[in-house]
């Protein structure tokens, strides 16, 4: 691993599983959706995932680091442009219906 490296790569909590298993030299077929962070930590790669996806109960989120889409039952769909709105104050979902529909279908089912 490279000391002092800071990365903006998109990762998910589940990636820790594959990373730990790989460092231990083991295999874990159940962690098929997990991606090892080892190449990122070694400085061999600068990117890790195209998007990060998260969900809990009726809340689902997908982000590519530039845009963040949040879908929650009973609430309006929210889309934020993170570089210009890091505090997620301005919902731009209505102005970007194509992205909202594309991401909902592709990533959030």
C-alpha atoms as a PDB file:
ATOM      1  CA  UNK A   1       0.000   0.000   0.000  1.00  0.00           C
ATOM      2  CA  UNK A   2       1.096   3.559  -0.605  1.00  0.00           C
ATOM      3  CA  UNK A   3       1.297   5.719   2.511  1.00  0.00           C
ATOM      4  CA  UNK A   4      -0.465   9.080   2.559  1.00  0.00           C
ATOM      5  CA  UNK A   5      -2.517   8.479  -0.576  1.00  0.00           C
ATOM      6  CA  UNK A   6      -5.917  10.172  -0.725  1.00  0.00           C
ATOM      7  CA  UNK A   7      -8.393   8.921  -3.296  1.00  0.00           C
ATOM      8  CA  UNK A   8     -11.747  10.104  -4.632  1.00  0.00           C
ATOM      9  CA  UNK A   9     -12.460   6.668  -6.112  1.00  0.00           C
ATOM     10  CA  UNK A  10     -15.995   5.388  -5.723  1.00  0.00           C
ATOM     11  CA  UNK A  11     -16.096   2.457  -3.297  1.00  0.00           C
ATOM     12  CA  UNK A  12     -18.758   0.598  -1.371  1.00  0.00           C
ATOM     13  CA  UNK A  13     -18.700  -0.818   2.148  1.00  0.00           C
ATOM     14  CA  UNK A  14     -19.059  -4.333   0.732  1.00  0.00           C
ATOM     15  CA  UNK A  15     -15.659  -3.902  -0.974  1.00  0.00           C
ATOM     16  CA  UNK A  16     -13.977  -4.349   2.397  1.00  0.00           C
ATOM     17  CA  UNK A  17     -15.016  -8.014   2.371  1.00  0.00           C
ATOM     18  CA  UNK A  18     -13.220  -8.879  -0.864  1.00  0.00           C
ATOM     19  CA  UNK A  19     -10.240  -6.732   0.183  1.00  0.00           C
ATOM     20  CA  UNK A  20      -9.779  -8.510   3.517  1.00  0.00           C
ATOM     21  CA  UNK A  21     -10.280 -11.936   1.937  1.00  0.00           C
ATOM     22  CA  UNK A  22      -7.732 -11.148  -0.780  1.00  0.00           C
ATOM     23  CA  UNK A  23      -5.126  -9.863   1.704  1.00  0.00           C
ATOM     24  CA  UNK A  24      -5.663 -13.067   3.691  1.00  0.00           C
ATOM     25  CA  UNK A  25      -5.013 -15.112   0.552  1.00  0.00           C
ATOM     26  CA  UNK A  26      -8.395 -16.781   0.800  1.00  0.00           C
ATOM     27  CA  UNK A  27     -11.469 -17.134  -1.426  1.00  0.00           C
ATOM     28  CA  UNK A  28     -15.078 -16.253  -0.662  1.00  0.00           C
ATOM     29  CA  UNK A  29     -17.517 -16.936  -3.516  1.00  0.00           C
ATOM     30  CA  UNK A  30     -20.334 -15.323  -1.501  1.00  0.00           C
ATOM     31  CA  UNK A  31     -18.627 -11.932  -1.953  1.00  0.00           C
ATOM     32  CA  UNK A  32     -19.185 -11.936  -5.731  1.00  0.00           C
ATOM     33  CA  UNK A  33     -20.487  -8.327  -5.788  1.00  0.00           C
ATOM     34  CA  UNK A  34     -17.578  -7.074  -3.703  1.00  0.00           C
ATOM     35  CA  UNK A  35     -14.488  -5.637  -5.449  1.00  0.00           C
ATOM     36  CA  UNK A  36     -11.066  -5.722  -3.838  1.00  0.00           C
ATOM     37  CA  UNK A  37      -9.571  -2.361  -2.940  1.00  0.00           C
ATOM     38  CA  UNK A  38      -6.058  -3.843  -3.145  1.00  0.00           C
ATOM     39  CA  UNK A  39      -5.183  -2.356  -6.599  1.00  0.00           C
ATOM     40  CA  UNK A  40      -6.456   1.045  -5.458  1.00  0.00           C
ATOM     41  CA  UNK A  41      -4.511   0.871  -2.188  1.00  0.00           C
ATOM     42  CA  UNK A  42      -1.352  -0.157  -4.058  1.00  0.00           C
ATOM     43  CA  UNK A  43      -1.661   2.812  -6.401  1.00  0.00           C
ATOM     44  CA  UNK A  44      -2.077   0.508  -9.409  1.00  0.00           C
ATOM     45  CA  UNK A  45      -5.517   1.945 -10.253  1.00  0.00           C
ATOM     46  CA  UNK A  46      -7.102   5.372  -9.876  1.00  0.00           C
ATOM     47  CA  UNK A  47     -10.723   4.296 -10.297  1.00  0.00           C
ATOM     48  CA  UNK A  48     -12.612   1.468  -8.662  1.00  0.00           C
ATOM     49  CA  UNK A  49     -16.300   1.552  -9.589  1.00  0.00           C
ATOM     50  CA  UNK A  50     -18.283   3.351 -12.285  1.00  0.00           C
ATOM     51  CA  UNK A  51     -20.989   4.127  -9.728  1.00  0.00           C
ATOM     52  CA  UNK A  52     -21.648   3.446  -6.089  1.00  0.00           C
ATOM     53  CA  UNK A  53     -25.021   2.097  -5.035  1.00  0.00           C
ATOM     54  CA  UNK A  54     -26.538   2.055  -1.584  1.00  0.00           C
ATOM     55  CA  UNK A  55     -29.923   1.029  -0.236  1.00  0.00           C
ATOM     56  CA  UNK A  56     -31.653   0.562   3.076  1.00  0.00           C
ATOM     57  CA  UNK A  57     -35.334  -0.118   3.611  1.00  0.00           C
ATOM     58  CA  UNK A  58     -37.247   2.124   1.160  1.00  0.00           C
ATOM     59  CA  UNK A  59     -34.231   4.390   0.402  1.00  0.00           C
ATOM     60  CA  UNK A  60     -31.995   3.818  -2.658  1.00  0.00           C
ATOM     61  CA  UNK A  61     -29.065   5.873  -3.937  1.00  0.00           C
ATOM     62  CA  UNK A  62     -26.740   5.783  -6.929  1.00  0.00           C
ATOM     63  CA  UNK A  63     -23.864   8.184  -7.568  1.00  0.00           C
ATOM     64  CA  UNK A  64     -21.107   8.518 -10.135  1.00  0.00           C
ATOM     65  CA  UNK A  65     -19.278  11.130  -8.060  1.00  0.00           C
ATOM     66  CA  UNK A  66     -20.708  13.974 -10.139  1.00  0.00           C
ATOM     67  CA  UNK A  67     -24.425  13.300  -9.788  1.00  0.00           C
ATOM     68  CA  UNK A  68     -26.314  11.614  -6.955  1.00  0.00           C
ATOM     69  CA  UNK A  69     -29.802  10.142  -7.379  1.00  0.00           C
ATOM     70  CA  UNK A  70     -31.953   9.320  -4.360  1.00  0.00           C
ATOM     71  CA  UNK A  71     -35.212   7.393  -4.646  1.00  0.00           C
ATOM     72  CA  UNK A  72     -37.338   6.968  -1.541  1.00  0.00           C
ATOM     73  CA  UNK A  73     -40.859   5.640  -1.280  1.00  0.00           C
ATOM     74  CA  UNK A  74     -43.403   8.407  -0.717  1.00  0.00           C
ATOM     75  CA  UNK A  75     -40.946  11.223  -1.489  1.00  0.00           C
ATOM     76  CA  UNK A  76     -40.022  13.048  -4.693  1.00  0.00           C
ATOM     77  CA  UNK A  77     -37.062  11.663  -6.613  1.00  0.00           C
ATOM     78  CA  UNK A  78     -33.969  13.746  -5.890  1.00  0.00           C
ATOM     79  CA  UNK A  79     -30.967  14.380  -8.120  1.00  0.00           C
ATOM     80  CA  UNK A  80     -28.030  16.552  -7.118  1.00  0.00           C
ATOM     81  CA  UNK A  81     -25.000  17.841  -9.025  1.00  0.00           C
ATOM     82  CA  UNK A  82     -22.348  17.314  -6.357  1.00  0.00           C
ATOM     83  CA  UNK A  83     -19.557  19.623  -7.620  1.00  0.00           C
ATOM     84  CA  UNK A  84     -21.876  22.647  -7.686  1.00  0.00           C
ATOM     85  CA  UNK A  85     -24.143  21.543  -4.803  1.00  0.00           C
ATOM     86  CA  UNK A  86     -22.083  19.496  -2.295  1.00  0.00           C
ATOM     87  CA  UNK A  87     -24.652  20.042   0.478  1.00  0.00           C
ATOM     88  CA  UNK A  88     -27.433  18.633  -1.739  1.00  0.00           C
ATOM     89  CA  UNK A  89     -29.697  21.642  -1.397  1.00  0.00           C
ATOM     90  CA  UNK A  90     -30.985  21.944  -4.983  1.00  0.00           C
ATOM     91  CA  UNK A  91     -32.974  19.049  -6.441  1.00  0.00           C
ATOM     92  CA  UNK A  92     -32.440  19.087 -10.224  1.00  0.00           C
ATOM     93  CA  UNK A  93     -34.341  15.873 -11.033  1.00  0.00           C
ATOM     94  CA  UNK A  94     -36.959  17.649 -13.137  1.00  0.00           C
ATOM     95  CA  UNK A  95     -34.273  19.239 -15.333  1.00  0.00           C
ATOM     96  CA  UNK A  96     -32.545  15.880 -15.920  1.00  0.00           C
ATOM     97  CA  UNK A  97     -35.375  13.406 -16.437  1.00  0.00           C
ATOM     98  CA  UNK A  98     -33.330  11.342 -18.926  1.00  0.00           C
ATOM     99  CA  UNK A  99     -30.575  10.703 -16.365  1.00  0.00           C
ATOM    100  CA  UNK A 100     -33.097   9.966 -13.621  1.00  0.00           C
ATOM    101  CA  UNK A 101     -34.991   7.438 -15.757  1.00  0.00           C
ATOM    102  CA  UNK A 102     -31.817   5.851 -17.134  1.00  0.00           C
ATOM    103  CA  UNK A 103     -30.227   5.392 -13.702  1.00  0.00           C
ATOM    104  CA  UNK A 104     -33.446   4.160 -12.089  1.00  0.00           C
ATOM    105  CA  UNK A 105     -33.835   1.488 -14.763  1.00  0.00           C
ATOM    106  CA  UNK A 106     -30.169   0.500 -14.962  1.00  0.00           C
ATOM    107  CA  UNK A 107     -29.066   0.571 -11.324  1.00  0.00           C
ATOM    108  CA  UNK A 108     -32.064   0.678  -9.008  1.00  0.00           C
ATOM    109  CA  UNK A 109     -34.405  -1.684 -10.811  1.00  0.00           C
END
